[in-house]
Amino acid sequence: MRILLVEDDIKTASFIRRGLKEAGFAVDHSGDGVEGLHLAESEPYDAAVVDIMLPGLDGLSLIEQLRRQKNTMPVIILSARRSVDDRVKGLQTGGDDYLTKPFAFSELLARLQGLIRRSTGVSEPTTLTVADLQLDLVRREVTRAGAGIELQPREFALLEYLMRNRGRVVSKTMIMEHVWSFSFDPQTNVVEARICRVRDKIDKGFANKLIHTVRGVGYVLKETV
């Protein structure tokens, strides 16, 4: 999935770009409304995240011009304006969703994924499966070989992240920022400690280990032959 991010605040843009990339998205960023409109007109994107206050061309004008061109790309508006009138204006202009600053990245990601699902008609899976390990996203239940496994909420989120990235090595930084939603502190061992607990619950008693450490890099969840 390819996302267009139009945001002039460097700190906010960096935060969003990093999070989206670690969630598996390709991200093109522009800090200028005119350039953002040009990118939206000339490149295929699955969705856009657009700030309202932009140099060159404001976000609402950008969206309005896209809609005039019959561009139906889903757009999430970002704004510090919180009034009902501002939200209504943004949606009436052509925005598909409206998120006020400050916001949690997890909420932005969930809204973005929801817009893309609706626009593409692709449904989100309700279960994740690797070998005989199954994670039910609706019931929030985990089983291995049919036996239930009790996980704390953070452990569930960690396992979900590993399963969504099955076969892919994810770093401690990626895990920290995705599961804990704050910048990685190299002095903390919270990731190692939580991985150890999840591994003990998932792999203990099974010959086929699923959670593996890649020394100096991170962790990977995969089925070994």
C-alpha atoms as a PDB file:
ATOM      1  CA  MET A   1       0.000   0.000   0.000  1.00  0.00           C
ATOM      2  CA  ARG A   2       1.250   3.467  -0.929  1.00  0.00           C
ATOM      3  CA  ILE A   3       0.365   6.507   1.181  1.00  0.00           C
ATOM      4  CA  LEU A   4       0.727  10.222   0.455  1.00  0.00           C
ATOM      5  CA  LEU A   5       1.492  12.313   3.527  1.00  0.00           C
ATOM      6  CA  VAL A   6       1.123  16.093   3.197  1.00  0.00           C
ATOM      7  CA  GLU A   7       2.287  17.656   6.473  1.00  0.00           C
ATOM      8  CA  ASP A   8       4.583  20.660   6.951  1.00  0.00           C
ATOM      9  CA  ASP A   9       5.458  20.067  10.604  1.00  0.00           C
ATOM     10  CA  ILE A  10       8.725  18.130  10.475  1.00  0.00           C
ATOM     11  CA  LYS A  11       8.299  16.395  13.839  1.00  0.00           C
ATOM     12  CA  THR A  12       4.744  15.257  13.106  1.00  0.00           C
ATOM     13  CA  ALA A  13       5.638  14.142   9.587  1.00  0.00           C
ATOM     14  CA  SER A  14       8.622  12.134  10.824  1.00  0.00           C
ATOM     15  CA  PHE A  15       6.475  10.455  13.494  1.00  0.00           C
ATOM     16  CA  ILE A  16       3.798   9.481  10.966  1.00  0.00           C
ATOM     17  CA  ARG A  17       6.225   8.360   8.265  1.00  0.00           C
ATOM     18  CA  ARG A  18       8.128   6.120  10.632  1.00  0.00           C
ATOM     19  CA  GLY A  19       4.992   4.536  11.996  1.00  0.00           C
ATOM     20  CA  LEU A  20       3.448   3.914   8.587  1.00  0.00           C
ATOM     21  CA  LYS A  21       6.641   2.422   7.195  1.00  0.00           C
ATOM     22  CA  GLU A  22       6.936   0.057  10.126  1.00  0.00           C
ATOM     23  CA  ALA A  23       3.307  -0.941   9.544  1.00  0.00           C
ATOM     24  CA  GLY A  24       4.272  -1.987   6.024  1.00  0.00           C
ATOM     25  CA  PHE A  25       3.257   1.073   4.021  1.00  0.00           C
ATOM     26  CA  ALA A  26       5.293   2.896   1.379  1.00  0.00           C
ATOM     27  CA  VAL A  27       5.119   6.626   2.161  1.00  0.00           C
ATOM     28  CA  ASP A  28       5.727   9.702   0.005  1.00  0.00           C
ATOM     29  CA  HIS A  29       5.930  12.941   1.974  1.00  0.00           C
ATOM     30  CA  SER A  30       5.442  16.548   0.992  1.00  0.00           C
ATOM     31  CA  GLY A  31       5.560  19.561   3.284  1.00  0.00           C
ATOM     32  CA  ASP A  32       3.895  21.857   0.750  1.00  0.00           C
ATOM     33  CA  GLY A  33       0.299  21.908  -0.461  1.00  0.00           C
ATOM     34  CA  VAL A  34       1.165  22.666  -4.086  1.00  0.00           C
ATOM     35  CA  GLU A  35       3.677  19.834  -4.276  1.00  0.00           C
ATOM     36  CA  GLY A  36       1.265  17.547  -2.430  1.00  0.00           C
ATOM     37  CA  LEU A  37      -1.444  18.236  -4.998  1.00  0.00           C
ATOM     38  CA  HIS A  38       1.005  17.556  -7.832  1.00  0.00           C
ATOM     39  CA  LEU A  39       1.969  14.212  -6.311  1.00  0.00           C
ATOM     40  CA  ALA A  40      -1.670  13.259  -5.774  1.00  0.00           C
ATOM     41  CA  GLU A  41      -2.454  14.095  -9.398  1.00  0.00           C
ATOM     42  CA  SER A  42       0.512  12.293 -10.888  1.00  0.00           C
ATOM     43  CA  GLU A  43       1.075   9.215  -8.722  1.00  0.00           C
ATOM     44  CA  PRO A  44      -1.217   6.315  -7.734  1.00  0.00           C
ATOM     45  CA  TYR A  45      -1.870   6.279  -3.982  1.00  0.00           C
ATOM     46  CA  ASP A  46      -4.091   4.052  -1.895  1.00  0.00           C
ATOM     47  CA  ALA A  47      -4.831   6.882   0.537  1.00  0.00           C
ATOM     48  CA  ALA A  48      -3.610  10.275   1.722  1.00  0.00           C
ATOM     49  CA  VAL A  49      -3.117  11.958   5.084  1.00  0.00           C
ATOM     50  CA  VAL A  50      -3.421  15.731   4.662  1.00  0.00           C
ATOM     51  CA  ASP A  51      -2.897  18.537   7.161  1.00  0.00           C
ATOM     52  CA  ILE A  52      -5.105  21.622   6.802  1.00  0.00           C
ATOM     53  CA  MET A  53      -2.556  24.357   7.494  1.00  0.00           C
ATOM     54  CA  LEU A  54      -0.014  24.044   4.671  1.00  0.00           C
ATOM     55  CA  PRO A  55       2.239  26.486   2.829  1.00  0.00           C
ATOM     56  CA  GLY A  56       1.478  27.093  -0.824  1.00  0.00           C
ATOM     57  CA  LEU A  57      -2.007  25.581  -0.788  1.00  0.00           C
ATOM     58  CA  ASP A  58      -4.115  24.714   2.247  1.00  0.00           C
ATOM     59  CA  GLY A  59      -5.270  21.152   2.785  1.00  0.00           C
ATOM     60  CA  LEU A  60      -8.964  21.782   2.159  1.00  0.00           C
ATOM     61  CA  SER A  61      -8.234  23.473  -1.173  1.00  0.00           C
ATOM     62  CA  LEU A  62      -5.990  20.560  -2.087  1.00  0.00           C
ATOM     63  CA  ILE A  63      -8.758  18.052  -1.370  1.00  0.00           C
ATOM     64  CA  GLU A  64     -11.350  20.173  -3.142  1.00  0.00           C
ATOM     65  CA  GLN A  65      -9.279  20.262  -6.314  1.00  0.00           C
ATOM     66  CA  LEU A  66      -8.774  16.498  -6.220  1.00  0.00           C
ATOM     67  CA  ARG A  67     -12.515  15.907  -5.912  1.00  0.00           C
ATOM     68  CA  ARG A  68     -13.180  18.250  -8.828  1.00  0.00           C
ATOM     69  CA  GLN A  69     -10.893  16.031 -10.880  1.00  0.00           C
ATOM     70  CA  LYS A  70     -12.942  12.982  -9.839  1.00  0.00           C
ATOM     71  CA  ASN A  71     -10.038  11.653  -7.781  1.00  0.00           C
ATOM     72  CA  THR A  72     -11.671   9.333  -5.224  1.00  0.00           C
ATOM     73  CA  MET A  73      -8.540   8.500  -3.232  1.00  0.00           C
ATOM     74  CA  PRO A  74      -9.452   8.196   0.490  1.00  0.00           C
ATOM     75  CA  VAL A  75      -8.206  11.181   2.490  1.00  0.00           C
ATOM     76  CA  ILE A  76      -7.787  11.633   6.231  1.00  0.00           C
ATOM     77  CA  ILE A  77      -7.651  15.275   7.312  1.00  0.00           C
ATOM     78  CA  LEU A  78      -5.318  16.240  10.165  1.00  0.00           C
ATOM     79  CA  SER A  79      -6.050  19.455  12.036  1.00  0.00           C
ATOM     80  CA  ALA A  80      -5.634  21.203  15.350  1.00  0.00           C
ATOM     81  CA  ARG A  81      -9.122  22.648  14.810  1.00  0.00           C
ATOM     82  CA  ARG A  82     -11.542  20.752  17.012  1.00  0.00           C
ATOM     83  CA  SER A  83     -14.918  22.439  16.509  1.00  0.00           C
ATOM     84  CA  VAL A  84     -17.861  20.601  14.986  1.00  0.00           C
ATOM     85  CA  ASP A  85     -18.080  23.236  12.236  1.00  0.00           C
ATOM     86  CA  ASP A  86     -14.442  22.614  11.254  1.00  0.00           C
ATOM     87  CA  ARG A  87     -14.981  18.849  11.094  1.00  0.00           C
ATOM     88  CA  VAL A  88     -18.163  19.247   9.067  1.00  0.00           C
ATOM     89  CA  LYS A  89     -16.432  21.615   6.646  1.00  0.00           C
ATOM     90  CA  GLY A  90     -13.560  19.174   6.177  1.00  0.00           C
ATOM     91  CA  LEU A  91     -15.892  16.292   5.427  1.00  0.00           C
ATOM     92  CA  GLN A  92     -18.095  18.375   3.143  1.00  0.00           C
ATOM     93  CA  THR A  93     -15.026  19.496   1.199  1.00  0.00           C
ATOM     94  CA  GLY A  94     -14.277  15.883   0.344  1.00  0.00           C
ATOM     95  CA  GLY A  95     -12.326  14.459   3.256  1.00  0.00           C
ATOM     96  CA  ASP A  96     -13.252  10.899   4.229  1.00  0.00           C
ATOM     97  CA  ASP A  97     -12.210  11.206   7.869  1.00  0.00           C
ATOM     98  CA  TYR A  98     -11.070  13.946  10.259  1.00  0.00           C
ATOM     99  CA  LEU A  99      -8.517  13.474  13.041  1.00  0.00           C
ATOM    100  CA  THR A 100      -7.646  16.235  15.472  1.00  0.00           C
ATOM    101  CA  LYS A 101      -4.158  16.880  16.812  1.00  0.00           C
ATOM    102  CA  PRO A 102      -2.658  15.617  19.028  1.00  0.00           C
ATOM    103  CA  PHE A 103      -3.557  12.061  18.141  1.00  0.00           C
ATOM    104  CA  ALA A 104      -2.402   8.513  18.855  1.00  0.00           C
ATOM    105  CA  PHE A 105      -0.666   6.906  15.917  1.00  0.00           C
ATOM    106  CA  SER A 106      -2.567   3.674  16.552  1.00  0.00           C
ATOM    107  CA  GLU A 107      -5.834   5.538  15.911  1.00  0.00           C
ATOM    108  CA  LEU A 108      -4.517   7.098  12.711  1.00  0.00           C
ATOM    109  CA  LEU A 109      -3.369   3.690  11.507  1.00  0.00           C
ATOM    110  CA  ALA A 110      -6.704   2.044  12.327  1.00  0.00           C
ATOM    111  CA  ARG A 111      -8.661   4.754  10.537  1.00  0.00           C
ATOM    112  CA  LEU A 112      -6.353   4.593   7.533  1.00  0.00           C
ATOM    113  CA  GLN A 113      -6.665   0.824   7.287  1.00  0.00           C
ATOM    114  CA  GLY A 114     -10.434   1.112   7.574  1.00  0.00           C
ATOM    115  CA  LEU A 115     -10.627   3.635   4.723  1.00  0.00           C
ATOM    116  CA  ILE A 116      -8.448   1.490   2.496  1.00  0.00           C
ATOM    117  CA  ARG A 117     -10.509  -1.625   3.232  1.00  0.00           C
ATOM    118  CA  ARG A 118     -13.704   0.165   2.313  1.00  0.00           C
ATOM    119  CA  SER A 119     -12.265   1.692  -0.851  1.00  0.00           C
ATOM    120  CA  THR A 120     -10.729  -1.552  -2.115  1.00  0.00           C
ATOM    121  CA  GLY A 121     -13.388  -3.949  -0.872  1.00  0.00           C
ATOM    122  CA  VAL A 122     -10.684  -6.069   0.795  1.00  0.00           C
ATOM    123  CA  SER A 123     -11.780  -7.334   4.188  1.00  0.00           C
ATOM    124  CA  GLU A 124      -9.519  -7.511   7.206  1.00  0.00           C
ATOM    125  CA  PRO A 125      -8.820 -11.095   8.303  1.00  0.00           C
ATOM    126  CA  THR A 126     -10.406 -12.058  11.611  1.00  0.00           C
ATOM    127  CA  THR A 127      -7.767 -14.676  12.427  1.00  0.00           C
ATOM    128  CA  LEU A 128      -4.020 -14.968  11.957  1.00  0.00           C
ATOM    129  CA  THR A 129      -2.473 -18.425  11.623  1.00  0.00           C
ATOM    130  CA  VAL A 130       1.104 -19.680  11.593  1.00  0.00           C
ATOM    131  CA  ALA A 131       1.558 -23.460  11.734  1.00  0.00           C
ATOM    132  CA  ASP A 132      -0.706 -24.663  14.578  1.00  0.00           C
ATOM    133  CA  LEU A 133      -0.749 -21.223  16.251  1.00  0.00           C
ATOM    134  CA  GLN A 134      -3.932 -19.223  15.776  1.00  0.00           C
ATOM    135  CA  LEU A 135      -4.814 -15.726  16.932  1.00  0.00           C
ATOM    136  CA  ASP A 136      -8.465 -14.644  16.846  1.00  0.00           C
ATOM    137  CA  LEU A 137      -8.641 -10.865  16.378  1.00  0.00           C
ATOM    138  CA  VAL A 138     -12.350 -10.676  17.197  1.00  0.00           C
ATOM    139  CA  ARG A 139     -12.474 -12.822  20.329  1.00  0.00           C
ATOM    140  CA  ARG A 140      -8.930 -11.809  21.324  1.00  0.00           C
ATOM    141  CA  GLU A 141      -8.043 -15.445  21.889  1.00  0.00           C
ATOM    142  CA  VAL A 142      -4.887 -17.418  21.135  1.00  0.00           C
ATOM    143  CA  THR A 143      -4.592 -21.172  20.695  1.00  0.00           C
ATOM    144  CA  ARG A 144      -1.809 -23.551  19.767  1.00  0.00           C
ATOM    145  CA  ALA A 145      -2.618 -27.088  18.687  1.00  0.00           C
ATOM    146  CA  GLY A 146      -6.156 -26.367  19.871  1.00  0.00           C
ATOM    147  CA  ALA A 147      -5.156 -25.474  23.434  1.00  0.00           C
ATOM    148  CA  GLY A 148      -5.943 -22.000  24.764  1.00  0.00           C
ATOM    149  CA  ILE A 149      -3.110 -19.643  25.735  1.00  0.00           C
ATOM    150  CA  GLU A 150      -3.653 -16.769  28.161  1.00  0.00           C
ATOM    151  CA  LEU A 151      -1.903 -13.562  27.119  1.00  0.00           C
ATOM    152  CA  GLN A 152      -1.914 -10.134  28.704  1.00  0.00           C
ATOM    153  CA  PRO A 153      -3.043  -7.277  26.396  1.00  0.00           C
ATOM    154  CA  ARG A 154       0.526  -6.162  25.619  1.00  0.00           C
ATOM    155  CA  GLU A 155       1.598  -9.741  24.979  1.00  0.00           C
ATOM    156  CA  PHE A 156      -1.355 -10.184  22.621  1.00  0.00           C
ATOM    157  CA  ALA A 157      -0.369  -7.027  20.720  1.00  0.00           C
ATOM    158  CA  LEU A 158       3.232  -8.229  20.490  1.00  0.00           C
ATOM    159  CA  LEU A 159       2.221 -11.638  19.171  1.00  0.00           C
ATOM    160  CA  GLU A 160      -0.198 -10.043  16.696  1.00  0.00           C
ATOM    161  CA  TYR A 161       2.605  -7.830  15.373  1.00  0.00           C
ATOM    162  CA  LEU A 162       4.941 -10.799  14.974  1.00  0.00           C
ATOM    163  CA  MET A 163       2.257 -12.853  13.231  1.00  0.00           C
ATOM    164  CA  ARG A 164       1.340 -10.040  10.851  1.00  0.00           C
ATOM    165  CA  ASN A 165       5.027  -9.921   9.946  1.00  0.00           C
ATOM    166  CA  ARG A 166       5.505 -13.706   9.764  1.00  0.00           C
ATOM    167  CA  GLY A 167       8.797 -14.644   8.159  1.00  0.00           C
ATOM    168  CA  ARG A 168      10.070 -11.069   8.422  1.00  0.00           C
ATOM    169  CA  VAL A 169      12.705 -10.016  10.936  1.00  0.00           C
ATOM    170  CA  VAL A 170      11.476  -7.089  13.042  1.00  0.00           C
ATOM    171  CA  SER A 171      13.849  -5.021  15.144  1.00  0.00           C
ATOM    172  CA  LYS A 172      13.432  -4.063  18.783  1.00  0.00           C
ATOM    173  CA  THR A 173      12.846  -0.484  17.646  1.00  0.00           C
ATOM    174  CA  MET A 174      10.031  -1.574  15.329  1.00  0.00           C
ATOM    175  CA  ILE A 175       8.425  -3.620  18.082  1.00  0.00           C
ATOM    176  CA  MET A 176       8.744  -0.832  20.650  1.00  0.00           C
ATOM    177  CA  GLU A 177       7.243   1.814  18.397  1.00  0.00           C
ATOM    178  CA  HIS A 178       4.437  -0.412  17.134  1.00  0.00           C
ATOM    179  CA  VAL A 179       3.421  -2.186  20.320  1.00  0.00           C
ATOM    180  CA  TRP A 180       4.289   0.445  22.931  1.00  0.00           C
ATOM    181  CA  SER A 181       3.870   3.554  20.743  1.00  0.00           C
ATOM    182  CA  PHE A 182       6.875   5.490  21.993  1.00  0.00           C
ATOM    183  CA  SER A 183      10.455   5.936  20.881  1.00  0.00           C
ATOM    184  CA  PHE A 184      12.871   3.148  21.586  1.00  0.00           C
ATOM    185  CA  ASP A 185      15.224   3.546  24.521  1.00  0.00           C
ATOM    186  CA  PRO A 186      18.290   1.389  23.896  1.00  0.00           C
ATOM    187  CA  GLN A 187      18.841   1.125  27.654  1.00  0.00           C
ATOM    188  CA  THR A 188      15.564  -0.680  28.336  1.00  0.00           C
ATOM    189  CA  ASN A 189      15.076  -4.438  28.105  1.00  0.00           C
ATOM    190  CA  VAL A 190      11.266  -4.311  27.985  1.00  0.00           C
ATOM    191  CA  VAL A 191      11.161  -5.881  24.512  1.00  0.00           C
ATOM    192  CA  GLU A 192      13.472  -8.749  25.425  1.00  0.00           C
ATOM    193  CA  ALA A 193      11.548  -9.390  28.651  1.00  0.00           C
ATOM    194  CA  ARG A 194       8.159  -9.441  26.927  1.00  0.00           C
ATOM    195  CA  ILE A 195       9.432 -11.581  24.049  1.00  0.00           C
ATOM    196  CA  CYS A 196      10.750 -14.059  26.598  1.00  0.00           C
ATOM    197  CA  ARG A 197       7.333 -14.271  28.294  1.00  0.00           C
ATOM    198  CA  VAL A 198       5.449 -14.704  25.025  1.00  0.00           C
ATOM    199  CA  ARG A 199       7.923 -17.296  23.786  1.00  0.00           C
ATOM    200  CA  ASP A 200       7.542 -19.246  27.017  1.00  0.00           C
ATOM    201  CA  LYS A 201       3.766 -19.313  26.576  1.00  0.00           C
ATOM    202  CA  ILE A 202       3.816 -20.051  22.839  1.00  0.00           C
ATOM    203  CA  ASP A 203       6.739 -22.418  22.348  1.00  0.00           C
ATOM    204  CA  LYS A 204       7.204 -24.232  25.645  1.00  0.00           C
ATOM    205  CA  GLY A 205       6.532 -27.929  25.225  1.00  0.00           C
ATOM    206  CA  PHE A 206       6.596 -27.825  21.418  1.00  0.00           C
ATOM    207  CA  ALA A 207       9.404 -29.221  19.275  1.00  0.00           C
ATOM    208  CA  ASN A 208       8.588 -26.772  16.485  1.00  0.00           C
ATOM    209  CA  LYS A 209       9.639 -23.394  17.882  1.00  0.00           C
ATOM    210  CA  LEU A 210       7.981 -20.396  16.249  1.00  0.00           C
ATOM    211  CA  ILE A 211       9.613 -17.329  17.808  1.00  0.00           C
ATOM    212  CA  HIS A 212      13.282 -16.959  16.889  1.00  0.00           C
ATOM    213  CA  THR A 213      15.976 -14.461  17.839  1.00  0.00           C
ATOM    214  CA  VAL A 214      18.151 -13.050  15.071  1.00  0.00           C
ATOM    215  CA  ARG A 215      21.170 -11.857  17.015  1.00  0.00           C
ATOM    216  CA  GLY A 216      22.025  -8.225  16.519  1.00  0.00           C
ATOM    217  CA  VAL A 217      18.914  -7.645  14.405  1.00  0.00           C
ATOM    218  CA  GLY A 218      15.657  -8.589  16.115  1.00  0.00           C
ATOM    219  CA  TYR A 219      13.045 -11.340  16.106  1.00  0.00           C
ATOM    220  CA  VAL A 220      11.086 -13.363  13.617  1.00  0.00           C
ATOM    221  CA  LEU A 221       8.043 -15.611  13.919  1.00  0.00           C
ATOM    222  CA  LYS A 222       8.163 -18.479  11.443  1.00  0.00           C
ATOM    223  CA  GLU A 223       7.585 -22.179  11.138  1.00  0.00           C
ATOM    224  CA  THR A 224      10.755 -24.258  11.024  1.00  0.00           C
ATOM    225  CA  VAL A 225      10.897 -27.401   8.931  1.00  0.00           C
END
